[in-house]
């Protein structure tokens, strides 16, 4: 760690603080449930591309609801390519590493600690998920016991809003009826 980074960390700013100072301009509760459901249906459609691990995700513009990136679990290619990470990578490839506070990620399953940490680091405005960690574990998929909320609250800089249970029955069905190897 160089001197400048050490000073920033000591001052409580940290490197991440440079992009986290902007609060989300839209609250998840101000978005109509119909808009959340439209985006979640797009995430569900992405999940259909991986019938064994149906973690699909999309990123939308918080104000317009327009989908700006899509992704699906590709851990068969790389163990880090969970649906959320694939979607983050696709967004950055198209738009660069910017405007995160204006975005919402929708995912079929509650983000694991790795994915939720990555989302917190981006400074994304919101994360909306369908199935809970508990439902995912019941489907036979190994999962950490830490919830997205616990990871989100584990930082002193996160501005990420969370909303769970959107189209939960449909998302739960994806996991319970998944193709098992």
Protein backbone atom coordinates (compact mmCIF):
# COMPACT_ATOMS: atom_id res chain seq x y z
CA UNK A 1 0.00 0.00 0.00
CA UNK A 2 1.48 3.37 -0.94
CA UNK A 3 1.40 6.44 1.33
CA UNK A 4 -1.56 8.08 -0.37
CA UNK A 5 -3.70 4.93 -0.05
CA UNK A 6 -2.63 4.50 3.57
CA UNK A 7 -3.62 8.10 4.35
CA UNK A 8 -6.99 7.69 2.64
CA UNK A 9 -7.66 4.54 4.64
CA UNK A 10 -6.60 6.24 7.89
CA UNK A 11 -8.91 9.15 7.13
CA UNK A 12 -11.81 6.76 6.64
CA UNK A 13 -12.18 7.57 2.97
CA UNK A 14 -10.65 4.48 1.41
CA UNK A 15 -10.29 4.01 -2.32
CA UNK A 16 -13.88 2.86 -2.57
CA UNK A 17 -15.11 6.05 -0.96
CA UNK A 18 -14.36 8.00 -4.10
CA UNK A 19 -17.24 6.37 -5.96
CA UNK A 20 -19.53 5.76 -3.01
CA UNK A 21 -20.20 9.35 -2.04
CA UNK A 22 -23.18 9.61 -4.37
CA UNK A 23 -26.47 8.40 -2.94
CA UNK A 24 -28.90 6.54 -5.14
CA UNK A 25 -31.23 9.04 -6.76
CA UNK A 26 -34.17 6.62 -6.77
CA UNK A 27 -35.42 4.57 -3.85
CA UNK A 28 -36.51 1.00 -4.50
CA UNK A 29 -39.78 1.67 -2.68
CA UNK A 30 -40.62 4.51 -5.10
CA UNK A 31 -40.44 2.20 -8.12
CA UNK A 32 -43.78 0.56 -8.97
CA UNK A 33 -43.86 -3.18 -8.25
CA UNK A 34 -44.83 -3.76 -11.89
CA UNK A 35 -41.47 -2.29 -12.98
CA UNK A 36 -39.64 -4.55 -10.51
CA UNK A 37 -41.55 -7.55 -11.87
CA UNK A 38 -40.75 -6.71 -15.51
CA UNK A 39 -37.04 -6.57 -14.70
CA UNK A 40 -37.21 -9.77 -12.62
CA UNK A 41 -38.91 -11.57 -15.51
CA UNK A 42 -35.93 -10.56 -17.68
CA UNK A 43 -33.60 -12.03 -15.02
CA UNK A 44 -35.70 -15.21 -15.01
CA UNK A 45 -35.35 -15.41 -18.80
CA UNK A 46 -31.57 -15.15 -18.42
CA UNK A 47 -31.63 -17.91 -15.78
CA UNK A 48 -33.15 -20.30 -18.34
CA UNK A 49 -29.72 -20.35 -20.03
CA UNK A 50 -28.30 -22.36 -17.11
CA UNK A 51 -30.79 -24.98 -16.01
CA UNK A 52 -28.46 -26.40 -13.34
CA UNK A 53 -27.64 -23.12 -11.61
CA UNK A 54 -30.43 -20.72 -12.66
CA UNK A 55 -28.91 -17.50 -11.39
CA UNK A 56 -29.86 -14.91 -13.97
CA UNK A 57 -29.47 -11.17 -13.58
CA UNK A 58 -30.07 -7.87 -15.32
CA UNK A 59 -29.03 -4.31 -14.55
CA UNK A 60 -31.53 -1.55 -15.22
CA UNK A 61 -31.52 2.21 -15.19
CA UNK A 62 -33.30 3.06 -11.92
CA UNK A 63 -35.36 5.86 -13.44
CA UNK A 64 -36.41 4.43 -16.80
CA UNK A 65 -36.31 0.70 -16.07
CA UNK A 66 -34.37 0.15 -19.30
CA UNK A 67 -32.16 -2.95 -19.16
CA UNK A 68 -28.52 -2.00 -19.74
CA UNK A 69 -26.80 -5.35 -19.05
CA UNK A 70 -27.63 -9.04 -18.70
CA UNK A 71 -25.83 -12.06 -17.33
CA UNK A 72 -26.17 -15.64 -16.20
CA UNK A 73 -24.18 -17.99 -13.99
CA UNK A 74 -21.18 -19.28 -15.96
CA UNK A 75 -19.27 -21.05 -13.22
CA UNK A 76 -18.62 -23.89 -15.67
CA UNK A 77 -16.23 -21.40 -17.39
CA UNK A 78 -14.86 -19.67 -14.30
CA UNK A 79 -15.81 -20.26 -10.64
CA UNK A 80 -16.17 -16.51 -10.07
CA UNK A 81 -18.72 -15.97 -12.86
CA UNK A 82 -21.88 -16.02 -10.79
CA UNK A 83 -24.85 -14.38 -12.51
CA UNK A 84 -24.33 -11.05 -10.76
CA UNK A 85 -20.61 -10.94 -11.57
CA UNK A 86 -21.26 -11.79 -15.23
CA UNK A 87 -23.80 -8.98 -15.38
CA UNK A 88 -21.44 -6.49 -13.73
CA UNK A 89 -18.73 -7.45 -16.22
CA UNK A 90 -21.14 -7.04 -19.14
CA UNK A 91 -22.18 -3.60 -17.90
CA UNK A 92 -18.57 -2.43 -17.52
CA UNK A 93 -17.69 -3.76 -21.00
CA UNK A 94 -20.51 -1.69 -22.51
CA UNK A 95 -20.54 1.48 -20.40
CA UNK A 96 -17.38 1.56 -18.29
CA UNK A 97 -17.11 1.72 -14.53
CA UNK A 98 -19.54 4.58 -13.92
CA UNK A 99 -23.06 5.66 -12.95
CA UNK A 100 -23.55 2.81 -10.49
CA UNK A 101 -25.77 4.83 -8.14
CA UNK A 102 -28.27 5.20 -10.99
CA UNK A 103 -28.57 1.43 -11.50
CA UNK A 104 -30.44 -1.52 -10.03
CA UNK A 105 -29.42 -5.16 -10.33
CA UNK A 106 -32.20 -7.76 -10.44
CA UNK A 107 -31.25 -11.37 -9.73
CA UNK A 108 -33.21 -14.60 -9.39
CA UNK A 109 -31.39 -15.57 -6.19
CA UNK A 110 -30.23 -13.62 -3.18
CA UNK A 111 -26.60 -12.65 -3.82
CA UNK A 112 -23.94 -14.73 -2.08
CA UNK A 113 -21.31 -12.92 0.03
CA UNK A 114 -18.91 -12.64 -2.95
CA UNK A 115 -21.53 -11.15 -5.24
CA UNK A 116 -23.04 -8.86 -2.62
CA UNK A 117 -19.59 -7.59 -1.69
CA UNK A 118 -18.88 -6.88 -5.37
CA UNK A 119 -22.19 -5.02 -5.66
CA UNK A 120 -21.41 -2.95 -2.57
CA UNK A 121 -17.99 -2.11 -4.03
CA UNK A 122 -19.61 -0.89 -7.26
CA UNK A 123 -21.80 1.51 -5.33
CA UNK A 124 -24.90 0.25 -7.16
CA UNK A 125 -28.11 1.97 -6.13
CA UNK A 126 -30.13 -1.16 -5.47
CA UNK A 127 -30.30 -4.94 -5.55
CA UNK A 128 -33.59 -6.77 -6.01
CA UNK A 129 -33.77 -10.56 -5.72
CA UNK A 130 -36.35 -13.33 -5.95
CA UNK A 131 -35.33 -16.43 -3.97
CA UNK A 132 -33.75 -16.21 -0.53
CA UNK A 133 -30.53 -17.91 0.50
CA UNK A 134 -32.65 -20.37 2.51
CA UNK A 135 -34.73 -21.35 -0.54
CA UNK A 136 -31.57 -21.78 -2.62
CA UNK A 137 -30.07 -24.08 0.03
CA UNK A 138 -33.31 -26.13 0.08
CA UNK A 139 -32.86 -26.72 -3.67
CA UNK A 140 -29.57 -28.52 -2.97
CA UNK A 141 -27.23 -25.71 -3.97
CA UNK A 142 -24.45 -25.04 -1.47
CA UNK A 143 -24.72 -21.53 -0.07
CA UNK A 144 -23.13 -19.45 2.65
CA UNK A 145 -25.29 -18.68 5.66
CA UNK A 146 -24.63 -14.94 5.40
CA UNK A 147 -27.48 -12.95 3.90
CA UNK A 148 -27.17 -10.08 1.44
CA UNK A 149 -28.42 -7.78 4.20
CA UNK A 150 -25.65 -8.88 6.57
CA UNK A 151 -22.98 -8.26 3.92
CA UNK A 152 -24.52 -4.90 3.01
CA UNK A 153 -24.56 -3.84 6.66
CA UNK A 154 -20.98 -5.06 7.11
CA UNK A 155 -19.59 -1.98 5.36
CA UNK A 156 -19.57 1.54 6.69
CA UNK A 157 -19.97 3.03 3.21
CA UNK A 158 -22.65 1.05 1.39
CA UNK A 159 -25.52 3.00 -0.11
CA UNK A 160 -27.00 -0.12 -1.72
CA UNK A 161 -30.71 -0.64 -1.14
CA UNK A 162 -32.09 -4.20 -0.93
CA UNK A 163 -35.47 -5.67 -1.81
CA UNK A 164 -36.12 -9.40 -1.65
CA UNK A 165 -38.99 -11.67 -2.58
CA UNK A 166 -39.90 -10.16 -5.96
CA UNK A 167 -41.57 -12.94 -7.99
CA UNK A 168 -40.34 -15.30 -5.29
CA UNK A 169 -42.59 -18.26 -6.24
CA UNK A 170 -41.33 -18.23 -9.84
CA UNK A 171 -37.71 -17.88 -8.76
CA UNK A 172 -38.08 -20.61 -6.12
CA UNK A 173 -39.50 -22.88 -8.82
CA UNK A 174 -36.39 -22.31 -10.97
CA UNK A 175 -34.18 -23.55 -8.17
CA UNK A 176 -36.39 -26.40 -6.94
CA UNK A 177 -36.90 -27.75 -10.48
CA UNK A 178 -33.34 -27.21 -11.66
CA UNK A 179 -31.47 -29.84 -13.63
CA UNK A 180 -29.35 -31.87 -11.24
CA UNK A 181 -26.20 -33.53 -12.53
